[in-house]
Protein backbone atom coordinates (compact mmCIF):
# COMPACT_ATOMS: atom_id res chain seq x y z
CA MET A 1 105.44 74.60 80.38
CA THR A 2 107.07 77.83 81.54
CA PRO A 3 106.12 81.30 80.23
CA HIS A 4 109.60 81.49 78.70
CA HIS A 5 109.06 78.24 76.82
CA ILE A 6 105.57 79.23 75.66
CA LEU A 7 106.78 82.54 74.25
CA GLN A 8 109.80 80.97 72.55
CA LEU A 9 107.71 78.16 71.04
CA ALA A 10 105.03 80.58 69.84
CA PHE A 11 107.64 82.77 68.15
CA GLU A 12 109.33 79.80 66.49
CA ASN A 13 105.96 78.52 65.23
CA VAL A 14 104.96 81.82 63.57
CA ALA A 15 108.31 83.31 62.52
CA GLY A 16 107.70 82.30 58.91
CA HIS A 17 104.46 84.30 58.85
CA ILE A 18 105.85 87.52 60.35
CA SER A 19 106.58 90.52 58.10
CA ASN A 20 108.55 92.54 60.65
CA LEU A 21 110.63 89.64 61.91
CA ASP A 22 113.41 91.77 63.40
CA ASP A 23 110.99 93.98 65.36
CA VAL A 24 109.01 91.05 66.73
CA GLN A 25 112.20 89.17 67.55
CA ILE A 26 113.42 92.16 69.58
CA LEU A 27 110.11 92.26 71.49
CA VAL A 28 110.31 88.54 72.20
CA ARG A 29 113.95 88.75 73.24
CA GLU A 30 113.19 91.61 75.65
CA MET A 31 110.37 89.63 77.24
CA LEU A 32 112.49 86.48 77.47
CA GLU A 33 115.16 88.42 79.36
CA GLU A 34 112.59 89.35 82.02
CA ASN A 35 111.12 86.86 84.46
CA ILE A 36 107.45 87.59 83.74
CA THR A 37 104.28 85.56 83.49
CA THR A 38 102.58 84.56 80.28
CA GLU A 39 99.75 86.94 81.15
CA ALA A 40 102.25 89.79 81.49
CA CYS A 41 103.72 88.90 78.07
CA ILE A 42 100.26 88.99 76.54
CA SER A 43 99.52 92.33 78.17
CA LEU A 44 102.81 93.84 76.97
CA LEU A 45 102.17 92.67 73.42
CA GLU A 46 98.60 94.03 73.47
CA ASN A 47 99.87 97.39 74.73
CA LYS A 48 102.55 97.47 72.03
CA MET A 49 99.86 97.15 69.36
CA ALA A 50 98.31 100.47 70.40
CA ASP A 51 101.23 102.54 69.11
CA SER A 52 102.47 100.38 66.23
CA GLU A 53 102.01 100.58 62.50
CA VAL A 54 99.49 98.25 60.90
CA THR A 55 101.81 95.47 59.70
CA LEU A 56 103.49 95.25 63.10
CA VAL A 57 100.06 95.10 64.73
CA THR A 58 99.22 92.17 62.46
CA ASP A 59 102.49 90.45 63.33
CA ILE A 60 101.89 90.90 67.06
CA ARG A 61 98.35 89.58 66.64
CA ILE A 62 99.74 86.48 64.88
CA LEU A 63 102.11 85.91 67.81
CA LEU A 64 99.34 86.46 70.36
CA ASN A 65 97.07 84.01 68.57
CA GLU A 66 99.80 81.38 68.68
CA ILE A 67 100.41 81.99 72.40
CA HIS A 68 96.69 81.52 73.05
CA HIS A 69 96.68 78.38 70.89
CA ILE A 70 99.56 76.88 72.89
CA LEU A 71 97.83 77.76 76.17
CA ARG A 72 94.61 76.06 75.00
CA GLU A 73 96.52 72.93 74.01
CA LYS A 74 98.26 72.91 77.38
CA SER A 75 94.99 73.10 79.32
CA PRO A 76 93.37 69.77 80.27
């Protein structure tokens, strides 16, 4: 599973639980446009939490948790 697919799947899985859907969708779209690793996506999202308001931090955390969940399922 590619980093692009993991990020897209994670977003689709949690979109219904996100309060700031437009903001998170913009973040995801920006990362999908770049050719970066899953680890780089995780790092970018973690860094974004440092300067975000509390509900956006929660939304990013939800997305990060789903990414980690998908990665655990993918591992043998």
